[in-house]
Amino acid sequence: MSKSKLEYIWLDGSQPTQALRSKTRIVENFSGKLDDCPMWSFDGSSTYLLAGNISDLLLKPVFICPDPARKHNAYLVMCEVLNPDGTPHPSNARATIDSDDDDFWFGYEQEYFLYDPCTNMPLGFPVGGQPEPQGPYYCGVGAKYAFGRNIVEEHFDLCIEAGLNIEGINAEVAPGQWEFQIFSKGAKLAGDEIWVARYLLERVAEKYGIIVELHPKPLGRDADWNGSGMHANFSNGKMRSCGDKKVFDEICMEFGKHVAEHIAVYGAYNDQRLIGKHETASINDFSWGVSNRGASIRIPVGTVDDGWCGRLEDRRPASNSDPYKVGSIIVQSVKASGHF
């Protein structure tokens, strides 16, 4: 009789940003298939999701992949949180995604900092001082410019071994700041993969005693450093095949009608990052433009070169944003434009 380790992962009720939680169960003679993952319960009152004497909530498995960091038949199981009656809990943003197929494609660029808990500063920042200004760190190489690469590379390998559709990594513009990219077909699956990739990153960093910092401007609003985003590249079948600039302009115009709704789910403290500097548009403005990283939405030059067939990049989502919420509002706005 074989035994498998299933790590159930879910989002708690922390405010203003939900955090990851997980626990392990043993399943005998497990097939490795999502359909054979049993429902499970947990204590909602200990995870900021419920108060009172009735505290049971349910974990509904929605995504499974191998857990390459563990031995002996181990799996990672991303879950939605349900109420005891089986309805989605209010914290369950995945259930709000109005898309049941893979017509919408997403590519998320997840930026983050690695922090030294002893100094409470990013790796590479000298104690009591500042490193040389940003410039040499982006895609930098060597001990003078790259900090935490061992964690980044180990995480990269684990994502590949887990079967996640990770597409690349790079050092970002500040010391100790990095990025990975995830692509997926379907807003729900894209969110699943980002959350599992974040989970694996937390586990690797935990091993080294390093903190993963997803605050969009951890060094402060006025610091002369880029913040961290989770740029959302997106398309649907019409965008990938239309060959019409008007389609892209009308989608962008529709997004401009829903700025408040987008900003509301694009991450806490994003006002400290979206200041019109450091490759961002101001949170108070809305704009779009070809190759413009200072716009709210960038139209990649590849979309133009391919005859107006391709994708858009919403540059506003923060590094701590929930990809389920980001995907949900993007799908809603594209559909509101009529181009789907």
C-alpha atoms as a PDB file:
ATOM      1  CA  MET A   1       0.000   0.000   0.000  1.00  0.00           C
ATOM      2  CA  SER A   2       1.557   3.331  -1.104  1.00  0.00           C
ATOM      3  CA  LYS A   3       1.173   6.627   0.678  1.00  0.00           C
ATOM      4  CA  SER A   4       1.208  10.075  -0.923  1.00  0.00           C
ATOM      5  CA  LYS A   5       1.720  13.493   0.663  1.00  0.00           C
ATOM      6  CA  LEU A   6      -0.825  16.074  -0.487  1.00  0.00           C
ATOM      7  CA  GLU A   7      -0.053  19.679   0.481  1.00  0.00           C
ATOM      8  CA  TYR A   8      -3.345  21.585   0.473  1.00  0.00           C
ATOM      9  CA  ILE A   9      -2.771  25.307  -0.205  1.00  0.00           C
ATOM     10  CA  TRP A  10      -5.300  28.109   0.225  1.00  0.00           C
ATOM     11  CA  LEU A  11      -5.619  31.854   0.834  1.00  0.00           C
ATOM     12  CA  ASP A  12      -6.446  33.139   4.288  1.00  0.00           C
ATOM     13  CA  GLY A  13      -8.344  36.250   5.358  1.00  0.00           C
ATOM     14  CA  SER A  14      -5.369  38.495   6.140  1.00  0.00           C
ATOM     15  CA  GLN A  15      -5.969  42.164   5.380  1.00  0.00           C
ATOM     16  CA  PRO A  16      -5.254  44.108   3.254  1.00  0.00           C
ATOM     17  CA  THR A  17      -3.460  41.259   1.448  1.00  0.00           C
ATOM     18  CA  GLN A  18      -4.381  37.604   1.711  1.00  0.00           C
ATOM     19  CA  ALA A  19      -1.578  35.232   2.654  1.00  0.00           C
ATOM     20  CA  LEU A  20      -0.836  31.617   1.794  1.00  0.00           C
ATOM     21  CA  ARG A  21      -1.634  28.788   4.200  1.00  0.00           C
ATOM     22  CA  SER A  22      -1.065  25.056   3.774  1.00  0.00           C
ATOM     23  CA  LYS A  23      -1.259  21.729   5.538  1.00  0.00           C
ATOM     24  CA  THR A  24      -0.457  18.129   4.605  1.00  0.00           C
ATOM     25  CA  ARG A  25      -2.569  15.003   4.513  1.00  0.00           C
ATOM     26  CA  ILE A  26      -1.668  11.428   3.651  1.00  0.00           C
ATOM     27  CA  VAL A  27      -3.739   9.647   1.003  1.00  0.00           C
ATOM     28  CA  GLU A  28      -3.250   5.943   0.381  1.00  0.00           C
ATOM     29  CA  ASN A  29      -2.995   4.571  -3.168  1.00  0.00           C
ATOM     30  CA  PHE A  30      -3.445   8.041  -4.629  1.00  0.00           C
ATOM     31  CA  SER A  31      -3.809   8.222  -8.421  1.00  0.00           C
ATOM     32  CA  GLY A  32      -2.173  11.633  -8.778  1.00  0.00           C
ATOM     33  CA  LYS A  33      -5.340  13.035 -10.384  1.00  0.00           C
ATOM     34  CA  LEU A  34      -7.198  16.147  -9.248  1.00  0.00           C
ATOM     35  CA  ASP A  35     -10.543  14.323  -9.256  1.00  0.00           C
ATOM     36  CA  ASP A  36      -9.219  11.933  -6.624  1.00  0.00           C
ATOM     37  CA  CYS A  37      -8.187  14.679  -4.178  1.00  0.00           C
ATOM     38  CA  PRO A  38     -10.688  14.569  -1.336  1.00  0.00           C
ATOM     39  CA  MET A  39     -12.409  17.657  -0.002  1.00  0.00           C
ATOM     40  CA  TRP A  40     -10.957  18.714   3.342  1.00  0.00           C
ATOM     41  CA  SER A  41     -11.828  21.142   6.126  1.00  0.00           C
ATOM     42  CA  PHE A  42      -9.814  23.594   8.203  1.00  0.00           C
ATOM     43  CA  ASP A  43     -10.186  26.079  11.030  1.00  0.00           C
ATOM     44  CA  GLY A  44     -11.419  29.315   9.515  1.00  0.00           C
ATOM     45  CA  SER A  45     -11.267  31.155  12.828  1.00  0.00           C
ATOM     46  CA  SER A  46      -7.485  30.626  13.043  1.00  0.00           C
ATOM     47  CA  THR A  47      -6.930  31.993   9.536  1.00  0.00           C
ATOM     48  CA  TYR A  48      -8.887  35.278   9.811  1.00  0.00           C
ATOM     49  CA  LEU A  49     -11.793  33.888   7.799  1.00  0.00           C
ATOM     50  CA  LEU A  50     -14.434  33.221  10.463  1.00  0.00           C
ATOM     51  CA  ALA A  51     -15.304  34.226  13.989  1.00  0.00           C
ATOM     52  CA  GLY A  52     -17.448  32.405  16.528  1.00  0.00           C
ATOM     53  CA  ASN A  53     -18.067  28.841  17.578  1.00  0.00           C
ATOM     54  CA  ILE A  54     -18.747  27.527  14.060  1.00  0.00           C
ATOM     55  CA  SER A  55     -15.344  27.696  12.396  1.00  0.00           C
ATOM     56  CA  ASP A  56     -15.161  24.878   9.840  1.00  0.00           C
ATOM     57  CA  LEU A  57     -14.549  25.838   6.230  1.00  0.00           C
ATOM     58  CA  LEU A  58     -13.980  23.560   3.252  1.00  0.00           C
ATOM     59  CA  LEU A  59     -11.033  23.179   0.889  1.00  0.00           C
ATOM     60  CA  LYS A  60     -12.025  22.359  -2.691  1.00  0.00           C
ATOM     61  CA  PRO A  61      -9.032  21.118  -4.752  1.00  0.00           C
ATOM     62  CA  VAL A  62      -8.816  22.951  -8.093  1.00  0.00           C
ATOM     63  CA  PHE A  63      -5.224  22.426  -9.261  1.00  0.00           C
ATOM     64  CA  ILE A  64      -2.598  19.753  -8.661  1.00  0.00           C
ATOM     65  CA  CYS A  65       1.048  19.313  -9.581  1.00  0.00           C
ATOM     66  CA  PRO A  66       4.015  17.325  -8.270  1.00  0.00           C
ATOM     67  CA  ASP A  67       5.842  18.704  -5.222  1.00  0.00           C
ATOM     68  CA  PRO A  68       9.496  18.323  -6.291  1.00  0.00           C
ATOM     69  CA  ALA A  69      10.833  19.618  -2.965  1.00  0.00           C
ATOM     70  CA  ARG A  70       9.518  16.557  -1.126  1.00  0.00           C
ATOM     71  CA  LYS A  71      10.305  12.897  -1.459  1.00  0.00           C
ATOM     72  CA  HIS A  72       7.948   9.960  -1.858  1.00  0.00           C
ATOM     73  CA  ASN A  73       4.840  10.697  -3.936  1.00  0.00           C
ATOM     74  CA  ALA A  74       4.305  14.340  -2.990  1.00  0.00           C
ATOM     75  CA  TYR A  75       1.846  16.789  -4.572  1.00  0.00           C
ATOM     76  CA  LEU A  76       0.836  20.430  -4.278  1.00  0.00           C
ATOM     77  CA  VAL A  77      -2.929  21.001  -4.289  1.00  0.00           C
ATOM     78  CA  MET A  78      -4.269  24.530  -4.756  1.00  0.00           C
ATOM     79  CA  CYS A  79      -7.710  24.926  -3.237  1.00  0.00           C
ATOM     80  CA  GLU A  80     -10.688  27.249  -3.235  1.00  0.00           C
ATOM     81  CA  VAL A  81     -12.234  28.077   0.143  1.00  0.00           C
ATOM     82  CA  LEU A  82     -15.912  27.154   0.469  1.00  0.00           C
ATOM     83  CA  ASN A  83     -18.511  27.713   3.167  1.00  0.00           C
ATOM     84  CA  PRO A  84     -19.819  24.599   4.959  1.00  0.00           C
ATOM     85  CA  ASP A  85     -22.783  24.523   2.566  1.00  0.00           C
ATOM     86  CA  GLY A  86     -20.459  24.340  -0.439  1.00  0.00           C
ATOM     87  CA  THR A  87     -20.907  27.918  -1.659  1.00  0.00           C
ATOM     88  CA  PRO A  88     -17.815  30.077  -2.309  1.00  0.00           C
ATOM     89  CA  HIS A  89     -16.519  31.918   0.751  1.00  0.00           C
ATOM     90  CA  PRO A  90     -16.418  35.735   0.308  1.00  0.00           C
ATOM     91  CA  SER A  91     -12.598  35.526   0.262  1.00  0.00           C
ATOM     92  CA  ASN A  92     -12.707  33.187  -2.752  1.00  0.00           C
ATOM     93  CA  ALA A  93     -11.817  35.440  -5.710  1.00  0.00           C
ATOM     94  CA  ARG A  94     -11.234  32.500  -8.039  1.00  0.00           C
ATOM     95  CA  ALA A  95     -14.968  31.827  -8.027  1.00  0.00           C
ATOM     96  CA  THR A  96     -15.628  35.322  -9.434  1.00  0.00           C
ATOM     97  CA  ILE A  97     -13.796  34.697 -12.726  1.00  0.00           C
ATOM     98  CA  ASP A  98     -16.356  34.821 -15.539  1.00  0.00           C
ATOM     99  CA  SER A  99     -14.491  32.579 -17.954  1.00  0.00           C
ATOM    100  CA  ASP A 100     -14.908  28.831 -18.252  1.00  0.00           C
ATOM    101  CA  ASP A 101     -12.514  28.200 -21.145  1.00  0.00           C
ATOM    102  CA  ASP A 102      -8.980  28.970 -22.230  1.00  0.00           C
ATOM    103  CA  ASP A 103      -9.805  31.691 -24.779  1.00  0.00           C
ATOM    104  CA  PHE A 104      -8.225  34.287 -22.481  1.00  0.00           C
ATOM    105  CA  TRP A 105      -4.443  33.909 -22.207  1.00  0.00           C
ATOM    106  CA  PHE A 106      -2.434  35.495 -19.410  1.00  0.00           C
ATOM    107  CA  GLY A 107       1.256  36.092 -18.902  1.00  0.00           C
ATOM    108  CA  TYR A 108       2.072  37.460 -15.455  1.00  0.00           C
ATOM    109  CA  GLU A 109       5.428  39.075 -14.665  1.00  0.00           C
ATOM    110  CA  GLN A 110       5.882  38.557 -10.926  1.00  0.00           C
ATOM    111  CA  GLU A 111       8.408  40.923  -9.335  1.00  0.00           C
ATOM    112  CA  TYR A 112       9.536  40.618  -5.717  1.00  0.00           C
ATOM    113  CA  PHE A 113      12.292  41.499  -3.272  1.00  0.00           C
ATOM    114  CA  LEU A 114      14.372  39.127  -1.168  1.00  0.00           C
ATOM    115  CA  TYR A 115      14.849  40.613   2.309  1.00  0.00           C
ATOM    116  CA  ASP A 116      17.419  39.873   5.003  1.00  0.00           C
ATOM    117  CA  PRO A 117      15.451  39.584   8.280  1.00  0.00           C
ATOM    118  CA  CYS A 118      18.517  40.643  10.286  1.00  0.00           C
ATOM    119  CA  THR A 119      18.799  44.024   8.550  1.00  0.00           C
ATOM    120  CA  ASN A 120      15.185  44.334   7.373  1.00  0.00           C
ATOM    121  CA  MET A 121      16.585  45.482   4.033  1.00  0.00           C
ATOM    122  CA  PRO A 122      16.828  43.859   0.594  1.00  0.00           C
ATOM    123  CA  LEU A 123      19.764  41.565  -0.058  1.00  0.00           C
ATOM    124  CA  GLY A 124      22.661  43.682  -1.315  1.00  0.00           C
ATOM    125  CA  PHE A 125      21.824  46.784   0.727  1.00  0.00           C
ATOM    126  CA  PRO A 126      24.704  47.698   3.070  1.00  0.00           C
ATOM    127  CA  VAL A 127      23.899  48.078   6.768  1.00  0.00           C
ATOM    128  CA  GLY A 128      23.189  51.713   7.525  1.00  0.00           C
ATOM    129  CA  GLY A 129      23.709  52.873   3.963  1.00  0.00           C
ATOM    130  CA  GLN A 130      22.621  52.732   0.363  1.00  0.00           C
ATOM    131  CA  PRO A 131      24.040  50.802  -2.588  1.00  0.00           C
ATOM    132  CA  GLU A 132      25.018  52.640  -5.734  1.00  0.00           C
ATOM    133  CA  PRO A 133      21.937  53.906  -7.620  1.00  0.00           C
ATOM    134  CA  GLN A 134      19.858  51.679  -9.852  1.00  0.00           C
ATOM    135  CA  GLY A 135      21.292  51.057 -13.256  1.00  0.00           C
ATOM    136  CA  PRO A 136      23.715  48.102 -13.070  1.00  0.00           C
ATOM    137  CA  TYR A 137      21.381  45.650 -11.310  1.00  0.00           C
ATOM    138  CA  TYR A 138      18.757  44.936 -13.983  1.00  0.00           C
ATOM    139  CA  CYS A 139      19.745  41.589 -15.520  1.00  0.00           C
ATOM    140  CA  GLY A 140      23.064  42.097 -13.736  1.00  0.00           C
ATOM    141  CA  VAL A 141      25.701  39.411 -13.270  1.00  0.00           C
ATOM    142  CA  GLY A 142      28.310  38.964 -10.563  1.00  0.00           C
ATOM    143  CA  ALA A 143      28.505  39.269  -6.791  1.00  0.00           C
ATOM    144  CA  LYS A 144      28.621  43.070  -7.014  1.00  0.00           C
ATOM    145  CA  TYR A 145      25.186  43.304  -8.637  1.00  0.00           C
ATOM    146  CA  ALA A 146      23.230  40.058  -8.188  1.00  0.00           C
ATOM    147  CA  PHE A 147      22.029  39.015  -4.722  1.00  0.00           C
ATOM    148  CA  GLY A 148      20.042  35.886  -3.868  1.00  0.00           C
ATOM    149  CA  ARG A 149      20.577  34.056  -7.146  1.00  0.00           C
ATOM    150  CA  ASN A 150      20.844  30.708  -5.320  1.00  0.00           C
ATOM    151  CA  ILE A 151      17.260  31.099  -4.106  1.00  0.00           C
ATOM    152  CA  VAL A 152      16.041  32.292  -7.507  1.00  0.00           C
ATOM    153  CA  GLU A 153      17.650  29.403  -9.401  1.00  0.00           C
ATOM    154  CA  GLU A 154      16.406  26.789  -6.946  1.00  0.00           C
ATOM    155  CA  HIS A 155      12.893  28.184  -7.217  1.00  0.00           C
ATOM    156  CA  PHE A 156      13.160  28.208 -11.026  1.00  0.00           C
ATOM    157  CA  ASP A 157      14.128  24.526 -11.081  1.00  0.00           C
ATOM    158  CA  LEU A 158      11.323  23.560  -8.693  1.00  0.00           C
ATOM    159  CA  CYS A 159       8.732  25.328 -10.842  1.00  0.00           C
ATOM    160  CA  ILE A 160       9.948  23.476 -13.930  1.00  0.00           C
ATOM    161  CA  GLU A 161       9.974  20.131 -12.111  1.00  0.00           C
ATOM    162  CA  ALA A 162       6.467  20.804 -10.798  1.00  0.00           C
ATOM    163  CA  GLY A 163       5.254  21.292 -14.363  1.00  0.00           C
ATOM    164  CA  LEU A 164       4.368  24.962 -13.977  1.00  0.00           C
ATOM    165  CA  ASN A 165       4.503  26.970 -17.161  1.00  0.00           C
ATOM    166  CA  ILE A 166       7.256  29.292 -15.966  1.00  0.00           C
ATOM    167  CA  GLU A 167       8.828  31.096 -18.897  1.00  0.00           C
ATOM    168  CA  GLY A 168      11.826  32.913 -17.463  1.00  0.00           C
ATOM    169  CA  ILE A 169      13.571  34.767 -14.648  1.00  0.00           C
ATOM    170  CA  ASN A 170      15.682  37.907 -14.401  1.00  0.00           C
ATOM    171  CA  ALA A 171      17.269  40.233 -11.890  1.00  0.00           C
ATOM    172  CA  GLU A 172      15.327  43.484 -11.574  1.00  0.00           C
ATOM    173  CA  VAL A 173      16.382  47.114 -11.199  1.00  0.00           C
ATOM    174  CA  ALA A 174      17.163  47.125  -7.458  1.00  0.00           C
ATOM    175  CA  PRO A 175      19.560  44.947  -5.458  1.00  0.00           C
ATOM    176  CA  GLY A 176      17.759  41.858  -4.185  1.00  0.00           C
ATOM    177  CA  GLN A 177      14.830  42.388  -6.586  1.00  0.00           C
ATOM    178  CA  TRP A 178      13.906  39.621  -9.033  1.00  0.00           C
ATOM    179  CA  GLU A 179      11.182  38.538 -11.434  1.00  0.00           C
ATOM    180  CA  PHE A 180       9.702  35.353 -12.824  1.00  0.00           C
ATOM    181  CA  GLN A 181       7.122  34.976 -15.566  1.00  0.00           C
ATOM    182  CA  ILE A 182       4.204  32.541 -15.757  1.00  0.00           C
ATOM    183  CA  PHE A 183       2.049  31.978 -18.847  1.00  0.00           C
ATOM    184  CA  SER A 184      -1.224  30.091 -18.968  1.00  0.00           C
ATOM    185  CA  LYS A 185      -4.347  29.676 -21.029  1.00  0.00           C
ATOM    186  CA  GLY A 186      -7.350  30.522 -18.874  1.00  0.00           C
ATOM    187  CA  ALA A 187      -7.663  33.123 -16.109  1.00  0.00           C
ATOM    188  CA  LYS A 188      -8.269  30.529 -13.402  1.00  0.00           C
ATOM    189  CA  LEU A 189      -5.304  28.354 -14.352  1.00  0.00           C
ATOM    190  CA  ALA A 190      -3.022  31.394 -14.632  1.00  0.00           C
ATOM    191  CA  GLY A 191      -3.986  32.360 -11.093  1.00  0.00           C
ATOM    192  CA  ASP A 192      -3.453  28.814  -9.841  1.00  0.00           C
ATOM    193  CA  GLU A 193       0.047  28.701 -11.292  1.00  0.00           C
ATOM    194  CA  ILE A 194       1.084  32.095  -9.900  1.00  0.00           C
ATOM    195  CA  TRP A 195      -0.092  31.154  -6.417  1.00  0.00           C
ATOM    196  CA  VAL A 196       1.672  27.782  -6.507  1.00  0.00           C
ATOM    197  CA  ALA A 197       4.843  29.460  -7.830  1.00  0.00           C
ATOM    198  CA  ARG A 198       4.642  31.986  -4.986  1.00  0.00           C
ATOM    199  CA  TYR A 199       4.192  29.122  -2.547  1.00  0.00           C
ATOM    200  CA  LEU A 200       7.307  27.352  -3.843  1.00  0.00           C
ATOM    201  CA  LEU A 201       9.263  30.624  -3.645  1.00  0.00           C
ATOM    202  CA  GLU A 202       8.240  31.078  -0.011  1.00  0.00           C
ATOM    203  CA  ARG A 203       9.329  27.528   0.769  1.00  0.00           C
ATOM    204  CA  VAL A 204      12.748  27.952  -0.828  1.00  0.00           C
ATOM    205  CA  ALA A 205      13.351  31.307   0.865  1.00  0.00           C
ATOM    206  CA  GLU A 206      12.199  29.845   4.187  1.00  0.00           C
ATOM    207  CA  LYS A 207      14.950  27.233   3.919  1.00  0.00           C
ATOM    208  CA  TYR A 208      17.566  30.000   3.685  1.00  0.00           C
ATOM    209  CA  GLY A 209      15.991  32.215   6.342  1.00  0.00           C
ATOM    210  CA  ILE A 210      15.141  34.899   3.783  1.00  0.00           C
ATOM    211  CA  ILE A 211      11.871  36.852   3.481  1.00  0.00           C
ATOM    212  CA  VAL A 212       9.944  37.172   0.206  1.00  0.00           C
ATOM    213  CA  GLU A 213       8.663  40.767   0.136  1.00  0.00           C
ATOM    214  CA  LEU A 214       5.694  41.420  -2.162  1.00  0.00           C
ATOM    215  CA  HIS A 215       4.990  44.977  -1.011  1.00  0.00           C
ATOM    216  CA  PRO A 216       4.855  47.098  -4.196  1.00  0.00           C
ATOM    217  CA  LYS A 217       7.166  49.825  -2.788  1.00  0.00           C
ATOM    218  CA  PRO A 218       8.868  48.390   0.306  1.00  0.00           C
ATOM    219  CA  LEU A 219      11.600  51.044   0.303  1.00  0.00           C
ATOM    220  CA  GLY A 220       9.042  53.832   0.467  1.00  0.00           C
ATOM    221  CA  ARG A 221       7.101  55.985  -1.964  1.00  0.00           C
ATOM    222  CA  ASP A 222       9.859  58.556  -2.308  1.00  0.00           C
ATOM    223  CA  ALA A 223      12.735  56.105  -2.685  1.00  0.00           C
ATOM    224  CA  ASP A 224      14.538  56.447  -6.013  1.00  0.00           C
ATOM    225  CA  TRP A 225      14.013  52.770  -6.818  1.00  0.00           C
ATOM    226  CA  ASN A 226      11.483  50.993  -9.004  1.00  0.00           C
ATOM    227  CA  GLY A 227       8.690  49.300  -7.148  1.00  0.00           C
ATOM    228  CA  SER A 228       7.484  45.739  -7.738  1.00  0.00           C
ATOM    229  CA  GLY A 229       4.583  44.895 -10.013  1.00  0.00           C
ATOM    230  CA  MET A 230       2.812  41.892 -11.445  1.00  0.00           C
ATOM    231  CA  HIS A 231       2.360  43.138 -15.002  1.00  0.00           C
ATOM    232  CA  ALA A 232      -0.573  41.380 -16.644  1.00  0.00           C
ATOM    233  CA  ASN A 233      -0.164  40.472 -20.309  1.00  0.00           C
ATOM    234  CA  PHE A 234      -3.469  39.309 -21.755  1.00  0.00           C
ATOM    235  CA  SER A 235      -5.240  38.424 -24.978  1.00  0.00           C
ATOM    236  CA  ASN A 236      -8.229  36.547 -26.274  1.00  0.00           C
ATOM    237  CA  GLY A 237      -8.910  34.884 -29.597  1.00  0.00           C
ATOM    238  CA  LYS A 238     -10.142  38.064 -31.245  1.00  0.00           C
ATOM    239  CA  MET A 239      -7.112  40.086 -30.142  1.00  0.00           C
ATOM    240  CA  ARG A 240      -4.759  37.396 -31.408  1.00  0.00           C
ATOM    241  CA  SER A 241      -6.340  37.326 -34.878  1.00  0.00           C
ATOM    242  CA  CYS A 242      -8.216  40.572 -35.608  1.00  0.00           C
ATOM    243  CA  GLY A 243      -5.522  42.580 -37.395  1.00  0.00           C
ATOM    244  CA  ASP A 244      -7.308  45.783 -36.404  1.00  0.00           C
ATOM    245  CA  LYS A 245      -5.867  48.671 -34.374  1.00  0.00           C
ATOM    246  CA  LYS A 246      -9.412  49.831 -33.605  1.00  0.00           C
ATOM    247  CA  VAL A 247     -10.071  46.682 -31.549  1.00  0.00           C
ATOM    248  CA  PHE A 248      -7.120  47.403 -29.266  1.00  0.00           C
ATOM    249  CA  ASP A 249      -7.992  51.082 -28.915  1.00  0.00           C
ATOM    250  CA  GLU A 250     -11.590  50.248 -28.000  1.00  0.00           C
ATOM    251  CA  ILE A 251     -10.486  47.705 -25.397  1.00  0.00           C
ATOM    252  CA  CYS A 252      -8.159  50.283 -23.863  1.00  0.00           C
ATOM    253  CA  MET A 253     -10.938  52.892 -23.896  1.00  0.00           C
ATOM    254  CA  GLU A 254     -13.224  50.451 -22.082  1.00  0.00           C
ATOM    255  CA  PHE A 255     -10.547  49.868 -19.432  1.00  0.00           C
ATOM    256  CA  GLY A 256     -10.455  53.638 -18.971  1.00  0.00           C
ATOM    257  CA  LYS A 257     -14.126  53.550 -17.933  1.00  0.00           C
ATOM    258  CA  HIS A 258     -13.365  51.169 -15.043  1.00  0.00           C
ATOM    259  CA  VAL A 259     -10.192  52.578 -13.514  1.00  0.00           C
ATOM    260  CA  ALA A 260     -11.516  52.572  -9.939  1.00  0.00           C
ATOM    261  CA  GLU A 261     -12.681  48.959 -10.173  1.00  0.00           C
ATOM    262  CA  HIS A 262      -9.280  47.837 -11.481  1.00  0.00           C
ATOM    263  CA  ILE A 263      -7.222  49.798  -8.958  1.00  0.00           C
ATOM    264  CA  ALA A 264      -9.396  48.405  -6.140  1.00  0.00           C
ATOM    265  CA  VAL A 265      -8.104  44.873  -6.865  1.00  0.00           C
ATOM    266  CA  TYR A 266      -4.626  45.674  -8.169  1.00  0.00           C
ATOM    267  CA  GLY A 267      -2.958  45.399  -4.768  1.00  0.00           C
ATOM    268  CA  ALA A 268      -2.652  47.232  -1.453  1.00  0.00           C
ATOM    269  CA  TYR A 269      -0.269  50.201  -1.200  1.00  0.00           C
ATOM    270  CA  ASN A 270      -0.165  50.472  -4.979  1.00  0.00           C
ATOM    271  CA  ASP A 271      -0.526  54.245  -4.631  1.00  0.00           C
ATOM    272  CA  GLN A 272       3.068  54.246  -3.380  1.00  0.00           C
ATOM    273  CA  ARG A 273       4.234  52.613  -6.619  1.00  0.00           C
ATOM    274  CA  LEU A 274       1.994  54.193  -9.282  1.00  0.00           C
ATOM    275  CA  ILE A 275       3.412  57.714  -9.035  1.00  0.00           C
ATOM    276  CA  GLY A 276       4.236  58.483 -12.664  1.00  0.00           C
ATOM    277  CA  LYS A 277       7.910  57.634 -12.182  1.00  0.00           C
ATOM    278  CA  HIS A 278      10.070  54.509 -12.387  1.00  0.00           C
ATOM    279  CA  GLU A 279       8.232  53.030 -15.372  1.00  0.00           C
ATOM    280  CA  THR A 280       4.731  53.621 -14.020  1.00  0.00           C
ATOM    281  CA  ALA A 281       1.790  55.835 -14.864  1.00  0.00           C
ATOM    282  CA  SER A 282       0.232  57.848 -12.063  1.00  0.00           C
ATOM    283  CA  ILE A 283      -2.576  56.123 -10.205  1.00  0.00           C
ATOM    284  CA  ASN A 284      -4.637  59.254 -10.939  1.00  0.00           C
ATOM    285  CA  ASP A 285      -4.243  58.959 -14.718  1.00  0.00           C
ATOM    286  CA  PHE A 286      -5.121  56.428 -17.395  1.00  0.00           C
ATOM    287  CA  SER A 287      -3.220  56.076 -20.655  1.00  0.00           C
ATOM    288  CA  TRP A 288      -2.080  53.605 -23.261  1.00  0.00           C
ATOM    289  CA  GLY A 289       0.605  53.612 -25.927  1.00  0.00           C
ATOM    290  CA  VAL A 290       2.833  51.491 -28.114  1.00  0.00           C
ATOM    291  CA  SER A 291       6.018  50.394 -26.298  1.00  0.00           C
ATOM    292  CA  ASN A 292       5.266  52.889 -23.519  1.00  0.00           C
ATOM    293  CA  ARG A 293       6.261  51.529 -20.103  1.00  0.00           C
ATOM    294  CA  GLY A 294       5.140  54.773 -18.546  1.00  0.00           C
ATOM    295  CA  ALA A 295       1.547  54.154 -19.636  1.00  0.00           C
ATOM    296  CA  SER A 296      -1.194  52.342 -17.732  1.00  0.00           C
ATOM    297  CA  ILE A 297      -1.481  49.862 -20.591  1.00  0.00           C
ATOM    298  CA  ARG A 298       1.399  49.162 -22.948  1.00  0.00           C
ATOM    299  CA  ILE A 299       0.754  47.943 -26.462  1.00  0.00           C
ATOM    300  CA  PRO A 300       3.774  45.711 -27.178  1.00  0.00           C
ATOM    301  CA  VAL A 301       5.625  46.519 -30.380  1.00  0.00           C
ATOM    302  CA  GLY A 302       5.211  42.845 -31.326  1.00  0.00           C
ATOM    303  CA  THR A 303       1.448  43.305 -31.471  1.00  0.00           C
ATOM    304  CA  VAL A 304       1.929  46.145 -33.977  1.00  0.00           C
ATOM    305  CA  ASP A 305       4.599  44.315 -35.970  1.00  0.00           C
ATOM    306  CA  ASP A 306       2.295  41.308 -36.261  1.00  0.00           C
ATOM    307  CA  GLY A 307      -0.332  43.447 -37.967  1.00  0.00           C
ATOM    308  CA  TRP A 308      -2.279  44.320 -34.836  1.00  0.00           C
ATOM    309  CA  CYS A 309      -2.623  40.733 -33.688  1.00  0.00           C
ATOM    310  CA  GLY A 310      -1.469  39.910 -30.174  1.00  0.00           C
ATOM    311  CA  ARG A 311      -1.751  41.116 -26.614  1.00  0.00           C
ATOM    312  CA  LEU A 312      -1.898  44.073 -24.254  1.00  0.00           C
ATOM    313  CA  GLU A 313       0.042  44.602 -21.039  1.00  0.00           C
ATOM    314  CA  ASP A 314      -1.692  46.172 -18.051  1.00  0.00           C
ATOM    315  CA  ARG A 315       1.236  47.538 -16.047  1.00  0.00           C
ATOM    316  CA  ARG A 316      -0.787  48.615 -13.016  1.00  0.00           C
ATOM    317  CA  PRO A 317      -1.189  45.394 -10.957  1.00  0.00           C
ATOM    318  CA  ALA A 318       1.121  45.390  -7.943  1.00  0.00           C
ATOM    319  CA  SER A 319       3.407  42.555  -6.919  1.00  0.00           C
ATOM    320  CA  ASN A 320       1.065  41.682  -4.041  1.00  0.00           C
ATOM    321  CA  SER A 321      -2.091  41.612  -6.165  1.00  0.00           C
ATOM    322  CA  ASP A 322      -4.230  38.486  -6.320  1.00  0.00           C
ATOM    323  CA  PRO A 323      -3.998  37.042  -9.858  1.00  0.00           C
ATOM    324  CA  TYR A 324      -7.521  35.683  -9.503  1.00  0.00           C
ATOM    325  CA  LYS A 325      -8.869  39.208  -8.922  1.00  0.00           C
ATOM    326  CA  VAL A 326      -6.662  40.664 -11.659  1.00  0.00           C
ATOM    327  CA  GLY A 327      -7.762  38.042 -14.173  1.00  0.00           C
ATOM    328  CA  SER A 328     -11.401  38.442 -13.202  1.00  0.00           C
ATOM    329  CA  ILE A 329     -11.527  42.222 -13.724  1.00  0.00           C
ATOM    330  CA  ILE A 330      -9.545  42.032 -16.985  1.00  0.00           C
ATOM    331  CA  VAL A 331     -11.958  39.447 -18.408  1.00  0.00           C
ATOM    332  CA  GLN A 332     -14.897  41.619 -17.331  1.00  0.00           C
ATOM    333  CA  SER A 333     -13.522  44.772 -18.965  1.00  0.00           C
ATOM    334  CA  VAL A 334     -12.574  43.043 -22.216  1.00  0.00           C
ATOM    335  CA  LYS A 335     -16.053  41.522 -22.429  1.00  0.00           C
ATOM    336  CA  ALA A 336     -17.610  44.929 -21.696  1.00  0.00           C
ATOM    337  CA  SER A 337     -15.774  46.289 -24.746  1.00  0.00           C
ATOM    338  CA  GLY A 338     -17.635  43.777 -26.926  1.00  0.00           C
ATOM    339  CA  HIS A 339     -14.415  42.317 -28.329  1.00  0.00           C
ATOM    340  CA  PHE A 340     -14.545  38.652 -27.322  1.00  0.00           C
END
